[in-house]
Amino acid sequence: MNFVITGGAGFLGSGLANILVRQGHNVRVIDDLSTGNPDRLSPEIHFTRGDINDRPKLWTLLQDVDCVYHLAARVSVPESVLYPRDYNQVNVGGTVTLMEAVHDVGIKRVILVSSGAVYGNQARQPLKESTLPNPESPYAVSKLAAEYYVRTIGRLWGIETVCLRVFNAYGPGQHIPPTHAPVIPNFLRQSMHNGTLVIQGDGSQTRDYVYVDDVVMAMAAAATTPKIDQLVINIGSGKETSIRDLAKLVMKITENKPEVVTNGQADPGVSHMCADIWLASQKLKYKPLVSLETGLKLTFERDENLKKMNGKSNGHTT
């Protein structure tokens, strides 16, 4: 099959691209390199540097393609609070631009990689796909809007669509910005260098952490699975872990005892998140294989970026 992956030089996109190539497929990637790195990609992959809103470039790239994976997006919750218009332009506007180009060239399936963040705070866990979304950041709003556009346009124009709500993916190669770094690479790096683990809130808030290889295998399966048109499917581990327990695991794996600071006055955001992955198991034959402890060990051992300490992050995202 012939694939295009938008945002394909990023953390999840590059993993997916490399897996598809190993499976014998032809893969084209477009990425603006705001956080991506083309060095992550196998030499067989055709890479184009470009913006998701560049319709002529998309139209050219999409010729003779069977399936599109749409991962191009801005993904920082704190940044989205500061720049909601930018997030709307890229995450929503870029999605509409892509769907128009897909329709122009006659592609039959689009897979949108969305986020578990669309659920927001919910009293009942684990979160089923039928749970009414409650987005609590411009980022989450933009991902939910992208889902609605993809499904609505797909239904109206005869394009098969699937939306994968990925929860807290982690693993080697995850981008680590200087501020508001994702919690797992931030904790690992801080612990390795005897820095400080900053726990927002009281540390009881939970997240569903899922290893990158498990996410990639689920995404790859979605390309050829029949009878999943218009579905929204959760991709997570099906288990929730508190920030406090995560910090303990990180210290165990790094064999260090960094200072742990609890910022009890800070707003922890969403209190609890855990994915119900029954639908993924039924439709995609999805079964996460990597436990959190094993995934943390693999990340600790394989991620060269963790060895670089370019200043301390002033907090983290989850």
Protein backbone atom coordinates (compact mmCIF):
# COMPACT_ATOMS: atom_id res chain seq x y z
CA MET A 1 0.00 0.00 0.00
CA ASN A 2 0.96 3.64 -0.46
CA PHE A 3 0.74 5.84 2.64
CA VAL A 4 1.13 9.51 3.49
CA ILE A 5 1.78 10.48 7.11
CA THR A 6 1.37 14.12 8.09
CA GLY A 7 3.57 15.01 11.03
CA GLY A 8 5.50 11.88 10.14
CA ALA A 9 8.89 13.04 11.43
CA GLY A 10 7.52 13.43 14.96
CA PHE A 11 7.58 11.04 17.88
CA LEU A 12 4.63 8.82 16.94
CA GLY A 13 4.67 9.56 13.21
CA SER A 14 8.25 8.44 12.67
CA GLY A 15 7.67 5.22 14.58
CA LEU A 16 4.63 4.50 12.43
CA ALA A 17 6.46 5.35 9.20
CA ASN A 18 9.34 3.03 10.01
CA ILE A 19 7.01 0.16 10.93
CA LEU A 20 5.03 0.53 7.70
CA VAL A 21 8.22 0.47 5.63
CA ARG A 22 9.39 -2.69 7.41
CA GLN A 23 6.03 -4.23 6.52
CA GLY A 24 6.78 -3.59 2.85
CA HIS A 25 4.68 -0.47 2.23
CA ASN A 26 5.60 2.75 0.45
CA VAL A 27 5.56 5.75 2.77
CA ARG A 28 5.66 9.50 2.18
CA VAL A 29 6.01 11.93 5.07
CA ILE A 30 5.26 15.63 5.32
CA ASP A 31 6.37 17.57 8.40
CA ASP A 32 7.17 21.22 9.12
CA LEU A 33 9.92 20.12 11.57
CA SER A 34 8.63 22.35 14.36
CA THR A 35 9.26 19.39 16.67
CA GLY A 36 10.01 16.59 14.20
CA ASN A 37 13.37 15.26 13.02
CA PRO A 38 13.81 13.58 9.61
CA ASP A 39 16.84 11.69 10.93
CA ARG A 40 14.36 9.41 12.69
CA LEU A 41 13.10 8.11 9.34
CA SER A 42 14.34 5.11 7.38
CA PRO A 43 16.13 6.01 4.12
CA GLU A 44 13.34 4.39 2.07
CA ILE A 45 10.82 6.99 3.25
CA HIS A 46 10.14 9.96 0.98
CA PHE A 47 10.33 13.08 3.15
CA THR A 48 8.85 16.48 2.28
CA ARG A 49 9.25 19.51 4.51
CA GLY A 50 6.01 21.42 4.42
CA ASP A 51 3.06 22.97 6.23
CA ILE A 52 -0.21 21.09 6.66
CA ASN A 53 -2.06 24.15 5.34
CA ASP A 54 -0.06 24.16 2.07
CA ARG A 55 -2.80 22.72 -0.14
CA PRO A 56 -0.83 22.60 -3.46
CA LYS A 57 2.01 20.71 -1.78
CA LEU A 58 -0.48 18.31 -0.17
CA TRP A 59 -2.26 17.74 -3.48
CA THR A 60 1.02 16.75 -5.15
CA LEU A 61 2.09 14.50 -2.28
CA LEU A 62 -1.26 12.66 -2.09
CA GLN A 63 -1.27 11.37 -5.66
CA ASP A 64 -1.76 7.57 -5.93
CA VAL A 65 -2.06 7.15 -2.15
CA ASP A 66 -4.28 4.50 -0.53
CA CYS A 67 -4.45 5.81 3.04
CA VAL A 68 -3.50 8.95 4.96
CA TYR A 69 -2.47 9.12 8.62
CA HIS A 70 -3.01 12.61 10.02
CA LEU A 71 -0.71 13.39 12.95
CA ALA A 72 0.38 16.94 12.09
CA ALA A 73 -0.63 19.09 15.06
CA ARG A 74 0.53 21.31 17.83
CA VAL A 75 0.37 19.25 21.00
CA SER A 76 1.25 21.30 24.11
CA VAL A 77 -1.64 21.96 26.47
CA PRO A 78 0.06 24.89 28.28
CA GLU A 79 1.14 26.44 24.98
CA SER A 80 -2.40 26.17 23.64
CA VAL A 81 -3.65 28.30 26.53
CA LEU A 82 -1.29 31.06 25.42
CA TYR A 83 -1.85 30.70 21.66
CA PRO A 84 -5.35 29.33 21.02
CA ARG A 85 -5.61 30.93 17.58
CA ASP A 86 -2.44 29.19 16.40
CA TYR A 87 -3.75 25.86 17.67
CA ASN A 88 -7.00 26.39 15.83
CA GLN A 89 -5.18 27.31 12.63
CA VAL A 90 -2.95 24.21 12.64
CA ASN A 91 -5.04 21.54 14.35
CA VAL A 92 -8.44 22.49 12.94
CA GLY A 93 -7.67 24.48 9.80
CA GLY A 94 -4.93 22.05 8.77
CA THR A 95 -7.31 19.12 9.17
CA VAL A 96 -9.91 20.74 6.92
CA THR A 97 -7.24 21.57 4.33
CA LEU A 98 -6.09 17.94 4.37
CA MET A 99 -9.61 16.55 4.00
CA GLU A 100 -10.25 18.82 1.01
CA ALA A 101 -7.03 17.64 -0.64
CA VAL A 102 -7.89 14.00 0.13
CA HIS A 103 -11.26 14.46 -1.55
CA ASP A 104 -9.66 16.15 -4.57
CA VAL A 105 -7.39 13.19 -5.32
CA GLY A 106 -9.82 10.42 -4.35
CA ILE A 107 -8.19 8.79 -1.33
CA LYS A 108 -10.49 6.29 0.39
CA ARG A 109 -9.32 6.20 4.05
CA VAL A 110 -8.05 8.78 6.55
CA ILE A 111 -6.89 7.92 10.06
CA LEU A 112 -6.81 10.85 12.46
CA VAL A 113 -4.61 10.53 15.52
CA SER A 114 -6.54 12.39 18.21
CA SER A 115 -6.07 12.58 21.97
CA GLY A 116 -7.57 11.28 25.19
CA ALA A 117 -7.44 14.92 26.31
CA VAL A 118 -10.81 15.48 24.62
CA TYR A 119 -12.52 13.71 27.56
CA GLY A 120 -11.37 16.22 30.19
CA ASN A 121 -12.47 15.65 33.77
CA GLN A 122 -14.84 12.72 34.13
CA ALA A 123 -16.24 11.14 37.28
CA ARG A 124 -16.41 7.63 35.81
CA GLN A 125 -13.29 5.70 34.82
CA PRO A 126 -12.17 4.00 32.63
CA LEU A 127 -13.24 6.24 29.80
CA LYS A 128 -15.40 4.68 27.10
CA GLU A 129 -15.65 6.13 23.60
CA SER A 130 -19.32 6.86 24.36
CA THR A 131 -18.34 9.23 27.19
CA LEU A 132 -19.41 12.80 26.41
CA PRO A 133 -16.23 14.83 25.74
CA ASN A 134 -15.41 17.67 28.12
CA PRO A 135 -12.31 19.40 26.69
CA GLU A 136 -10.57 21.72 29.14
CA SER A 137 -7.88 23.37 27.02
CA PRO A 138 -7.69 24.93 23.56
CA TYR A 139 -5.55 21.94 22.55
CA ALA A 140 -8.28 19.48 23.55
CA VAL A 141 -10.94 21.61 21.86
CA SER A 142 -8.90 21.65 18.65
CA LYS A 143 -8.47 17.87 18.63
CA LEU A 144 -12.18 17.31 19.22
CA ALA A 145 -13.05 19.77 16.45
CA ALA A 146 -10.65 17.92 14.14
CA GLU A 147 -12.47 14.67 14.93
CA TYR A 148 -15.83 16.19 14.04
CA TYR A 149 -14.51 17.64 10.80
CA VAL A 150 -12.88 14.37 9.74
CA ARG A 151 -15.96 12.28 10.48
CA THR A 152 -18.46 14.76 9.04
CA ILE A 153 -16.52 15.46 5.85
CA GLY A 154 -15.80 11.76 5.48
CA ARG A 155 -19.47 10.88 5.78
CA LEU A 156 -20.56 13.59 3.32
CA TRP A 157 -17.86 12.91 0.74
CA GLY A 158 -17.60 9.11 0.96
CA ILE A 159 -14.20 8.89 2.66
CA GLU A 160 -13.66 6.16 5.26
CA THR A 161 -12.41 7.71 8.51
CA VAL A 162 -11.16 6.45 11.86
CA CYS A 163 -10.23 8.59 14.88
CA LEU A 164 -7.74 7.11 17.33
CA ARG A 165 -7.78 8.79 20.74
CA VAL A 166 -4.25 8.18 21.99
CA PHE A 167 -3.68 8.64 25.70
CA ASN A 168 -0.29 9.52 27.27
CA ALA A 169 2.18 8.00 24.83
CA TYR A 170 5.84 7.87 25.85
CA GLY A 171 9.08 6.20 24.84
CA PRO A 172 12.54 6.83 23.36
CA GLY A 173 12.77 9.87 21.11
CA GLN A 174 9.95 11.88 22.63
CA HIS A 175 10.44 15.62 22.12
CA ILE A 176 11.54 17.40 25.30
CA PRO A 177 10.90 21.16 25.10
CA PRO A 178 12.74 23.44 27.56
CA THR A 179 9.51 24.28 29.40
CA HIS A 180 6.40 22.22 30.14
CA ALA A 181 8.09 18.98 29.18
CA PRO A 182 6.05 15.74 29.10
CA VAL A 183 6.22 14.22 32.54
CA ILE A 184 7.96 10.93 31.74
CA PRO A 185 11.01 12.22 29.84
CA ASN A 186 11.19 15.17 32.23
CA PHE A 187 11.17 12.95 35.32
CA LEU A 188 13.70 10.53 33.80
CA ARG A 189 16.07 13.31 32.80
CA GLN A 190 15.78 15.13 36.12
CA SER A 191 16.33 11.90 38.06
CA MET A 192 19.34 10.92 35.94
CA HIS A 193 21.00 14.26 36.68
CA ASN A 194 19.88 14.48 40.32
CA GLY A 195 17.59 17.36 39.50
CA THR A 196 14.16 18.00 40.99
CA LEU A 197 10.95 16.11 40.32
CA VAL A 198 8.15 18.67 40.51
CA ILE A 199 4.78 17.09 41.27
CA GLN A 200 1.90 19.39 40.44
CA GLY A 201 -1.05 19.28 42.84
CA ASP A 202 -0.91 16.57 45.50
CA GLY A 203 0.32 13.86 43.12
CA SER A 204 -2.83 11.75 43.32
CA GLN A 205 -3.94 12.62 39.78
CA THR A 206 -3.62 9.68 37.40
CA ARG A 207 -2.85 9.15 33.73
CA ASP A 208 -2.89 6.24 31.31
CA TYR A 209 0.69 5.89 30.05
CA VAL A 210 1.09 3.79 26.91
CA TYR A 211 4.40 2.81 25.30
CA VAL A 212 5.11 4.11 21.81
CA ASP A 213 5.48 0.65 20.21
CA ASP A 214 2.01 -0.36 21.38
CA VAL A 215 0.51 2.84 19.95
CA VAL A 216 2.29 2.38 16.63
CA MET A 217 1.04 -1.19 16.21
CA ALA A 218 -2.54 -0.03 16.83
CA MET A 219 -2.17 2.75 14.29
CA ALA A 220 -0.72 0.39 11.69
CA ALA A 221 -3.61 -2.05 12.16
CA ALA A 222 -6.18 0.69 11.53
CA ALA A 223 -5.14 1.01 7.88
CA THR A 224 -6.50 -2.35 6.80
CA THR A 225 -9.07 -3.28 9.45
CA PRO A 226 -12.51 -3.61 7.83
CA LYS A 227 -15.79 -2.13 9.09
CA ILE A 228 -14.37 0.62 11.27
CA ASP A 229 -15.55 3.60 9.22
CA GLN A 230 -16.67 6.55 11.39
CA LEU A 231 -15.44 4.93 14.61
CA VAL A 232 -13.62 6.64 17.46
CA ILE A 233 -11.26 4.22 19.21
CA ASN A 234 -9.27 4.66 22.43
CA ILE A 235 -5.58 3.66 22.40
CA GLY A 236 -4.07 3.39 25.86
CA SER A 237 -2.75 0.83 28.32
CA GLY A 238 -6.05 0.40 30.14
CA LYS A 239 -4.29 1.17 33.43
CA GLU A 240 -3.96 4.38 35.42
CA THR A 241 -0.91 5.46 37.39
CA SER A 242 -0.64 8.35 39.84
CA ILE A 243 2.07 10.97 39.42
CA ARG A 244 3.46 9.99 42.83
CA ASP A 245 3.75 6.34 41.81
CA LEU A 246 5.33 7.35 38.52
CA ALA A 247 7.99 9.34 40.39
CA LYS A 248 8.77 6.29 42.55
CA LEU A 249 9.12 4.07 39.48
CA VAL A 250 11.44 6.59 37.81
CA MET A 251 13.68 6.74 40.89
CA LYS A 252 13.77 2.95 41.05
CA ILE A 253 14.82 2.64 37.41
CA THR A 254 17.43 5.43 37.46
CA GLU A 255 18.71 4.24 40.86
CA ASN A 256 18.89 7.86 42.01
CA LYS A 257 17.14 9.80 44.74
CA PRO A 258 16.45 13.28 43.36
CA GLU A 259 14.60 15.90 45.36
CA VAL A 260 10.83 15.55 45.02
CA VAL A 261 8.83 18.76 45.39
CA THR A 262 5.06 18.82 45.69
CA ASN A 263 3.41 22.02 44.50
CA GLY A 264 0.10 21.59 46.29
CA GLN A 265 -1.18 25.01 45.21
CA ALA A 266 -0.88 24.34 41.49
CA ASP A 267 -3.88 23.31 39.43
CA PRO A 268 -3.26 19.67 38.45
CA GLY A 269 -5.64 19.91 35.50
CA VAL A 270 -7.57 16.74 34.75
CA SER A 271 -7.76 14.59 37.89
CA HIS A 272 -7.96 11.08 36.44
CA MET A 273 -7.59 9.45 33.05
CA CYS A 274 -7.76 5.79 32.11
CA ALA A 275 -8.72 4.39 28.71
CA ASP A 276 -11.28 1.68 28.19
CA ILE A 277 -9.59 -0.27 25.38
CA TRP A 278 -12.27 -2.92 24.78
CA LEU A 279 -13.23 -1.49 21.38
CA ALA A 280 -9.59 -1.41 20.25
CA SER A 281 -9.14 -5.02 21.33
CA GLN A 282 -12.22 -6.08 19.39
CA LYS A 283 -11.74 -4.06 16.21
CA LEU A 284 -7.95 -3.71 15.91
CA LYS A 285 -6.97 -6.86 17.83
CA TYR A 286 -5.05 -4.45 20.03
CA LYS A 287 -3.30 -5.70 23.14
CA PRO A 288 -0.71 -3.46 24.82
CA LEU A 289 2.37 -5.58 25.50
CA VAL A 290 4.75 -3.22 27.32
CA SER A 291 4.17 -2.55 31.02
CA LEU A 292 4.92 0.89 32.42
CA GLU A 293 7.99 -0.32 34.32
CA THR A 294 9.38 -2.08 31.25
CA GLY A 295 8.61 0.92 29.04
CA LEU A 296 10.36 3.27 31.44
CA LYS A 297 13.43 0.99 31.46
CA LEU A 298 13.51 0.91 27.66
CA THR A 299 13.19 4.68 27.48
CA PHE A 300 15.91 5.15 30.09
CA GLU A 301 18.27 2.81 28.23
CA ARG A 302 17.63 3.94 24.64
CA ASP A 303 16.87 7.66 24.67
CA GLU A 304 20.05 9.66 24.08
CA ASN A 305 18.22 12.96 24.63
CA LEU A 306 17.78 12.13 28.30
CA LYS A 307 21.52 12.42 28.80
CA LYS A 308 21.41 16.09 27.83
CA MET A 309 20.56 18.52 30.61
CA ASN A 310 19.79 21.82 28.90
CA GLY A 311 18.34 23.54 31.92
CA LYS A 312 15.54 22.50 34.21
CA SER A 313 11.97 22.40 33.06
CA ASN A 314 9.69 24.72 35.03
CA GLY A 315 6.98 22.14 35.38
CA HIS A 316 5.61 19.38 33.19
CA THR A 317 2.62 18.29 31.27
CA THR A 318 1.10 14.88 31.70
